Amino acid sequence: MDSTVSANFLNGITLLLAYQLVGEVSARLLNLPIPGPVIGMVLLFFSLLVRDSLAQVVEPAASALLSHLSLLFVPAGVGVMVHFGRIGEQWLPITAALLVGTLITLALTALVMLGVQRLQRRSAHHDA
């Protein structure tokens, strides 16, 4: 690996880990019920919206992580197998939560789509 590529990767992964750390600290200090990495991702998202150049810093690390994304699911799969008995005992609440969550997601997605379409129509109407 070229030293420039290595430096770019290290800069990107350092930035990603810094956002995760800020998220973790925020979640703990503010006693939030949201996981720290989720807070970090939201902060990173808004930072990317504000500063386009940040995407160039994160891109090498993000691409490397995405190329190995399937490996990141192994711990979750192992966790499911370890707790398979508990999942079997609690199948009804788990299934209900999955179904309700999916329906809520579909409904909210449809509402957002309708809102975006309405805004696009207004914008097209004002431009004409």
N, C-alpha and C. Protein backbone atom coordinates (compact mmCIF):
# COMPACT_ATOMS: atom_id res chain seq x y z
N MET A 1 0.85 -1.18 0.00
CA MET A 1 0.00 0.00 0.00
C MET A 1 0.90 1.24 0.00
N ASP A 2 0.61 2.16 -0.88
CA ASP A 2 1.35 3.41 -1.00
C ASP A 2 1.21 4.22 0.30
N SER A 3 2.25 4.98 0.64
CA SER A 3 2.20 5.75 1.90
C SER A 3 1.10 6.82 1.86
N THR A 4 0.83 7.38 0.68
CA THR A 4 -0.25 8.37 0.56
C THR A 4 -1.60 7.71 0.78
N VAL A 5 -1.77 6.52 0.20
CA VAL A 5 -3.03 5.78 0.38
C VAL A 5 -3.20 5.41 1.85
N SER A 6 -2.11 4.97 2.48
CA SER A 6 -2.17 4.62 3.90
C SER A 6 -2.53 5.82 4.75
N ALA A 7 -1.91 6.96 4.44
CA ALA A 7 -2.20 8.17 5.21
C ALA A 7 -3.65 8.60 5.02
N ASN A 8 -4.15 8.52 3.79
CA ASN A 8 -5.54 8.88 3.53
C ASN A 8 -6.50 7.96 4.27
N PHE A 9 -6.19 6.65 4.27
CA PHE A 9 -7.02 5.70 4.99
C PHE A 9 -7.00 6.01 6.48
N LEU A 10 -5.82 6.24 7.03
CA LEU A 10 -5.71 6.52 8.46
C LEU A 10 -6.43 7.81 8.84
N ASN A 11 -6.34 8.82 8.00
CA ASN A 11 -7.07 10.06 8.27
C ASN A 11 -8.58 9.80 8.29
N GLY A 12 -9.05 9.03 7.33
CA GLY A 12 -10.48 8.73 7.25
C GLY A 12 -10.97 7.92 8.43
N ILE A 13 -10.24 6.86 8.77
CA ILE A 13 -10.67 5.99 9.88
C ILE A 13 -10.58 6.74 11.20
N THR A 14 -9.57 7.62 11.34
CA THR A 14 -9.45 8.43 12.55
C THR A 14 -10.65 9.36 12.69
N LEU A 15 -11.06 9.96 11.58
CA LEU A 15 -12.22 10.85 11.61
C LEU A 15 -13.49 10.07 11.96
N LEU A 16 -13.67 8.90 11.36
CA LEU A 16 -14.85 8.08 11.68
C LEU A 16 -14.87 7.69 13.15
N LEU A 17 -13.71 7.27 13.67
CA LEU A 17 -13.64 6.89 15.08
C LEU A 17 -13.83 8.09 16.00
N ALA A 18 -13.38 9.26 15.57
CA ALA A 18 -13.58 10.47 16.38
C ALA A 18 -15.07 10.79 16.49
N TYR A 19 -15.80 10.65 15.38
CA TYR A 19 -17.24 10.89 15.44
C TYR A 19 -17.93 9.85 16.32
N GLN A 20 -17.47 8.60 16.25
CA GLN A 20 -18.05 7.58 17.12
C GLN A 20 -17.77 7.91 18.59
N LEU A 21 -16.55 8.36 18.87
CA LEU A 21 -16.19 8.73 20.24
C LEU A 21 -17.05 9.88 20.74
N VAL A 22 -17.23 10.90 19.92
CA VAL A 22 -18.08 12.04 20.30
C VAL A 22 -19.50 11.55 20.57
N GLY A 23 -19.98 10.64 19.74
CA GLY A 23 -21.32 10.08 19.95
C GLY A 23 -21.41 9.31 21.25
N GLU A 24 -20.39 8.49 21.54
CA GLU A 24 -20.38 7.71 22.79
C GLU A 24 -20.35 8.63 24.01
N VAL A 25 -19.49 9.62 23.97
CA VAL A 25 -19.38 10.55 25.10
C VAL A 25 -20.68 11.32 25.27
N SER A 26 -21.27 11.76 24.17
CA SER A 26 -22.54 12.49 24.24
C SER A 26 -23.64 11.63 24.84
N ALA A 27 -23.72 10.38 24.39
CA ALA A 27 -24.76 9.48 24.90
C ALA A 27 -24.60 9.24 26.39
N ARG A 28 -23.36 9.10 26.84
CA ARG A 28 -23.13 8.83 28.27
C ARG A 28 -23.33 10.08 29.12
N LEU A 29 -22.77 11.20 28.68
CA LEU A 29 -22.87 12.43 29.48
C LEU A 29 -24.30 12.94 29.56
N LEU A 30 -25.03 12.84 28.45
CA LEU A 30 -26.40 13.34 28.42
C LEU A 30 -27.42 12.28 28.79
N ASN A 31 -26.92 11.07 29.10
CA ASN A 31 -27.78 9.95 29.50
C ASN A 31 -28.89 9.71 28.46
N LEU A 32 -28.49 9.67 27.19
CA LEU A 32 -29.45 9.49 26.10
C LEU A 32 -29.73 8.00 25.87
N PRO A 33 -30.95 7.66 25.48
CA PRO A 33 -31.28 6.26 25.22
C PRO A 33 -30.86 5.81 23.81
N ILE A 34 -30.08 6.63 23.12
CA ILE A 34 -29.64 6.34 21.75
C ILE A 34 -28.20 5.86 21.81
N PRO A 35 -27.85 4.79 21.08
CA PRO A 35 -26.46 4.32 21.09
C PRO A 35 -25.50 5.40 20.57
N GLY A 36 -24.34 5.46 21.17
CA GLY A 36 -23.33 6.44 20.79
C GLY A 36 -22.96 6.41 19.32
N PRO A 37 -22.75 5.22 18.72
CA PRO A 37 -22.41 5.19 17.30
C PRO A 37 -23.50 5.80 16.41
N VAL A 38 -24.75 5.68 16.81
CA VAL A 38 -25.84 6.28 16.03
C VAL A 38 -25.75 7.80 16.11
N ILE A 39 -25.48 8.32 17.29
CA ILE A 39 -25.31 9.77 17.46
C ILE A 39 -24.13 10.24 16.62
N GLY A 40 -23.04 9.47 16.65
CA GLY A 40 -21.87 9.81 15.86
C GLY A 40 -22.17 9.84 14.37
N MET A 41 -22.95 8.86 13.89
CA MET A 41 -23.31 8.84 12.47
C MET A 41 -24.17 10.03 12.09
N VAL A 42 -25.09 10.40 12.96
CA VAL A 42 -25.94 11.56 12.68
C VAL A 42 -25.09 12.83 12.63
N LEU A 43 -24.17 12.96 13.57
CA LEU A 43 -23.27 14.13 13.56
C LEU A 43 -22.41 14.15 12.30
N LEU A 44 -21.91 12.98 11.90
CA LEU A 44 -21.12 12.89 10.67
C LEU A 44 -21.96 13.27 9.46
N PHE A 45 -23.20 12.80 9.43
CA PHE A 45 -24.10 13.12 8.31
C PHE A 45 -24.28 14.63 8.18
N PHE A 46 -24.57 15.30 9.29
CA PHE A 46 -24.77 16.75 9.23
C PHE A 46 -23.46 17.48 8.90
N SER A 47 -22.34 16.95 9.38
CA SER A 47 -21.05 17.54 9.02
C SER A 47 -20.78 17.42 7.53
N LEU A 48 -21.15 16.28 6.95
CA LEU A 48 -20.98 16.08 5.50
C LEU A 48 -21.88 17.02 4.70
N LEU A 49 -23.06 17.31 5.23
CA LEU A 49 -23.95 18.25 4.56
C LEU A 49 -23.37 19.66 4.55
N VAL A 50 -22.71 20.01 5.65
CA VAL A 50 -22.18 21.36 5.80
C VAL A 50 -20.85 21.52 5.06
N ARG A 51 -20.01 20.49 5.12
CA ARG A 51 -18.66 20.56 4.52
C ARG A 51 -18.46 19.44 3.51
N ASP A 52 -18.56 19.76 2.24
CA ASP A 52 -18.41 18.76 1.19
C ASP A 52 -17.02 18.13 1.18
N SER A 53 -16.01 18.89 1.52
CA SER A 53 -14.63 18.39 1.47
C SER A 53 -14.39 17.26 2.48
N LEU A 54 -15.24 17.15 3.47
CA LEU A 54 -15.12 16.09 4.47
C LEU A 54 -15.32 14.71 3.84
N ALA A 55 -16.12 14.64 2.79
CA ALA A 55 -16.37 13.37 2.11
C ALA A 55 -15.08 12.80 1.53
N GLN A 56 -14.20 13.66 1.04
CA GLN A 56 -12.93 13.20 0.47
C GLN A 56 -12.03 12.61 1.54
N VAL A 57 -12.14 13.09 2.76
CA VAL A 57 -11.33 12.57 3.85
C VAL A 57 -11.84 11.20 4.28
N VAL A 58 -13.15 11.05 4.35
CA VAL A 58 -13.77 9.82 4.85
C VAL A 58 -13.81 8.72 3.78
N GLU A 59 -13.82 9.08 2.51
CA GLU A 59 -14.05 8.13 1.42
C GLU A 59 -13.09 6.93 1.41
N PRO A 60 -11.77 7.10 1.57
CA PRO A 60 -10.89 5.92 1.53
C PRO A 60 -11.22 4.90 2.62
N ALA A 61 -11.47 5.37 3.82
CA ALA A 61 -11.80 4.45 4.92
C ALA A 61 -13.18 3.84 4.72
N ALA A 62 -14.14 4.65 4.27
CA ALA A 62 -15.50 4.14 4.05
C ALA A 62 -15.50 3.08 2.96
N SER A 63 -14.76 3.30 1.89
CA SER A 63 -14.70 2.32 0.81
C SER A 63 -14.08 1.01 1.29
N ALA A 64 -13.00 1.12 2.07
CA ALA A 64 -12.36 -0.09 2.60
C ALA A 64 -13.31 -0.85 3.52
N LEU A 65 -14.02 -0.13 4.38
CA LEU A 65 -14.97 -0.79 5.28
C LEU A 65 -16.12 -1.43 4.51
N LEU A 66 -16.62 -0.74 3.50
CA LEU A 66 -17.73 -1.28 2.70
C LEU A 66 -17.33 -2.52 1.93
N SER A 67 -16.06 -2.59 1.50
CA SER A 67 -15.62 -3.77 0.76
C SER A 67 -15.59 -5.01 1.65
N HIS A 68 -15.54 -4.81 2.96
CA HIS A 68 -15.53 -5.93 3.91
C HIS A 68 -16.79 -5.94 4.78
N LEU A 69 -17.86 -5.36 4.28
CA LEU A 69 -19.09 -5.22 5.06
C LEU A 69 -19.64 -6.56 5.54
N SER A 70 -19.53 -7.58 4.70
CA SER A 70 -20.09 -8.88 5.09
C SER A 70 -19.43 -9.42 6.36
N LEU A 71 -18.15 -9.13 6.56
CA LEU A 71 -17.47 -9.58 7.78
C LEU A 71 -18.03 -8.92 9.03
N LEU A 72 -18.56 -7.72 8.88
CA LEU A 72 -19.10 -7.01 10.04
C LEU A 72 -20.41 -7.61 10.53
N PHE A 73 -21.03 -8.46 9.72
CA PHE A 73 -22.27 -9.11 10.14
C PHE A 73 -22.02 -10.42 10.90
N VAL A 74 -20.79 -10.92 10.89
CA VAL A 74 -20.48 -12.17 11.57
C VAL A 74 -20.78 -12.09 13.07
N PRO A 75 -20.35 -11.05 13.80
CA PRO A 75 -20.68 -11.00 15.23
C PRO A 75 -22.18 -11.00 15.50
N ALA A 76 -22.95 -10.32 14.67
CA ALA A 76 -24.41 -10.31 14.86
C ALA A 76 -24.97 -11.72 14.65
N GLY A 77 -24.49 -12.41 13.64
CA GLY A 77 -24.95 -13.78 13.39
C GLY A 77 -24.59 -14.72 14.53
N VAL A 78 -23.39 -14.56 15.07
CA VAL A 78 -22.97 -15.37 16.21
C VAL A 78 -23.85 -15.06 17.42
N GLY A 79 -24.17 -13.79 17.63
CA GLY A 79 -25.04 -13.41 18.74
C GLY A 79 -26.42 -14.03 18.62
N VAL A 80 -26.94 -14.09 17.41
CA VAL A 80 -28.24 -14.72 17.19
C VAL A 80 -28.16 -16.20 17.54
N MET A 81 -27.09 -16.86 17.13
CA MET A 81 -26.96 -18.29 17.42
C MET A 81 -26.77 -18.55 18.91
N VAL A 82 -26.03 -17.69 19.58
CA VAL A 82 -25.80 -17.85 21.02
C VAL A 82 -27.12 -17.72 21.78
N HIS A 83 -27.98 -16.81 21.35
CA HIS A 83 -29.25 -16.55 22.04
C HIS A 83 -30.43 -17.18 21.31
N PHE A 84 -30.17 -18.22 20.54
CA PHE A 84 -31.22 -18.84 19.75
C PHE A 84 -32.37 -19.36 20.62
N GLY A 85 -32.06 -19.91 21.78
CA GLY A 85 -33.09 -20.40 22.69
C GLY A 85 -33.99 -19.28 23.18
N ARG A 86 -33.39 -18.17 23.56
CA ARG A 86 -34.16 -17.02 24.03
C ARG A 86 -35.04 -16.47 22.90
N ILE A 87 -34.49 -16.43 21.70
CA ILE A 87 -35.26 -15.95 20.55
C ILE A 87 -36.46 -16.87 20.32
N GLY A 88 -36.24 -18.18 20.48
CA GLY A 88 -37.35 -19.13 20.34
C GLY A 88 -38.44 -18.91 21.38
N GLU A 89 -38.03 -18.56 22.59
CA GLU A 89 -39.01 -18.31 23.65
C GLU A 89 -39.78 -17.01 23.42
N GLN A 90 -39.13 -16.04 22.83
CA GLN A 90 -39.72 -14.71 22.66
C GLN A 90 -40.08 -14.42 21.20
N TRP A 91 -40.40 -15.45 20.44
CA TRP A 91 -40.64 -15.26 19.01
C TRP A 91 -41.82 -14.34 18.73
N LEU A 92 -42.87 -14.40 19.54
CA LEU A 92 -44.05 -13.58 19.27
C LEU A 92 -43.77 -12.08 19.43
N PRO A 93 -43.18 -11.63 20.56
CA PRO A 93 -42.88 -10.20 20.66
C PRO A 93 -41.86 -9.73 19.62
N ILE A 94 -40.90 -10.59 19.31
CA ILE A 94 -39.90 -10.23 18.30
C ILE A 94 -40.57 -10.06 16.94
N THR A 95 -41.42 -11.00 16.58
CA THR A 95 -42.13 -10.93 15.29
C THR A 95 -43.04 -9.70 15.24
N ALA A 96 -43.74 -9.46 16.34
CA ALA A 96 -44.62 -8.29 16.39
C ALA A 96 -43.82 -7.00 16.23
N ALA A 97 -42.69 -6.90 16.92
CA ALA A 97 -41.86 -5.70 16.81
C ALA A 97 -41.33 -5.52 15.39
N LEU A 98 -40.92 -6.62 14.76
CA LEU A 98 -40.43 -6.53 13.38
C LEU A 98 -41.53 -6.08 12.42
N LEU A 99 -42.71 -6.65 12.57
CA LEU A 99 -43.82 -6.29 11.68
C LEU A 99 -44.27 -4.84 11.89
N VAL A 100 -44.45 -4.45 13.15
CA VAL A 100 -44.88 -3.08 13.44
C VAL A 100 -43.81 -2.09 12.98
N GLY A 101 -42.55 -2.40 13.26
CA GLY A 101 -41.46 -1.53 12.83
C GLY A 101 -41.40 -1.38 11.31
N THR A 102 -41.61 -2.49 10.61
CA THR A 102 -41.61 -2.45 9.15
C THR A 102 -42.77 -1.61 8.63
N LEU A 103 -43.94 -1.79 9.20
CA LEU A 103 -45.11 -1.02 8.77
C LEU A 103 -44.92 0.48 9.03
N ILE A 104 -44.38 0.81 10.19
CA ILE A 104 -44.12 2.22 10.50
C ILE A 104 -43.11 2.80 9.52
N THR A 105 -42.06 2.03 9.22
CA THR A 105 -41.04 2.49 8.27
C THR A 105 -41.64 2.72 6.89
N LEU A 106 -42.47 1.79 6.43
CA LEU A 106 -43.12 1.95 5.13
C LEU A 106 -44.03 3.18 5.11
N ALA A 107 -44.80 3.36 6.17
CA ALA A 107 -45.72 4.50 6.22
C ALA A 107 -44.94 5.82 6.24
N LEU A 108 -43.89 5.90 7.05
CA LEU A 108 -43.11 7.13 7.10
C LEU A 108 -42.39 7.40 5.78
N THR A 109 -41.90 6.34 5.14
CA THR A 109 -41.26 6.51 3.84
C THR A 109 -42.25 7.06 2.82
N ALA A 110 -43.47 6.53 2.83
CA ALA A 110 -44.50 7.02 1.91
C ALA A 110 -44.83 8.49 2.19
N LEU A 111 -44.94 8.85 3.46
CA LEU A 111 -45.23 10.25 3.81
C LEU A 111 -44.10 11.19 3.39
N VAL A 112 -42.87 10.76 3.60
CA VAL A 112 -41.73 11.58 3.17
C VAL A 112 -41.73 11.73 1.66
N MET A 113 -42.00 10.63 0.94
CA MET A 113 -42.05 10.69 -0.52
C MET A 113 -43.13 11.65 -1.00
N LEU A 114 -44.30 11.59 -0.38
CA LEU A 114 -45.37 12.51 -0.76
C LEU A 114 -44.98 13.95 -0.48
N GLY A 115 -44.34 14.19 0.65
CA GLY A 115 -43.89 15.54 0.98
C GLY A 115 -42.85 16.05 -0.01
N VAL A 116 -41.91 15.20 -0.39
CA VAL A 116 -40.89 15.59 -1.36
C VAL A 116 -41.52 15.87 -2.71
N GLN A 117 -42.46 15.03 -3.13
CA GLN A 117 -43.15 15.27 -4.41
C GLN A 117 -43.90 16.60 -4.39
N ARG A 118 -44.55 16.89 -3.28
CA ARG A 118 -45.28 18.15 -3.14
C ARG A 118 -44.32 19.34 -3.26
N LEU A 119 -43.17 19.24 -2.59
CA LEU A 119 -42.18 20.31 -2.68
C LEU A 119 -41.63 20.46 -4.09
N GLN A 120 -41.42 19.33 -4.77
CA GLN A 120 -40.91 19.39 -6.14
C GLN A 120 -41.93 20.04 -7.07
N ARG A 121 -43.21 19.72 -6.88
CA ARG A 121 -44.25 20.33 -7.71
C ARG A 121 -44.32 21.83 -7.48
N ARG A 122 -44.23 22.25 -6.22
CA ARG A 122 -44.24 23.68 -5.90
C ARG A 122 -43.04 24.38 -6.54
N SER A 123 -41.88 23.74 -6.44
CA SER A 123 -40.67 24.32 -7.01
C SER A 123 -40.78 24.42 -8.52
N ALA A 124 -41.31 23.39 -9.17
CA ALA A 124 -41.48 23.41 -10.62
C ALA A 124 -42.51 24.47 -11.03
N HIS A 125 -43.56 24.63 -10.22
CA HIS A 125 -44.60 25.62 -10.50
C HIS A 125 -44.04 27.04 -10.40
N HIS A 126 -43.20 27.28 -9.37
CA HIS A 126 -42.62 28.62 -9.19
C HIS A 126 -41.57 28.93 -10.25
N ASP A 127 -40.86 27.89 -10.72
CA ASP A 127 -39.84 28.09 -11.75
C ASP A 127 -40.45 28.38 -13.11
N ALA A 128 -41.66 27.90 -13.34
CA ALA A 128 -42.30 28.05 -14.66
C ALA A 128 -42.86 29.42 -14.89
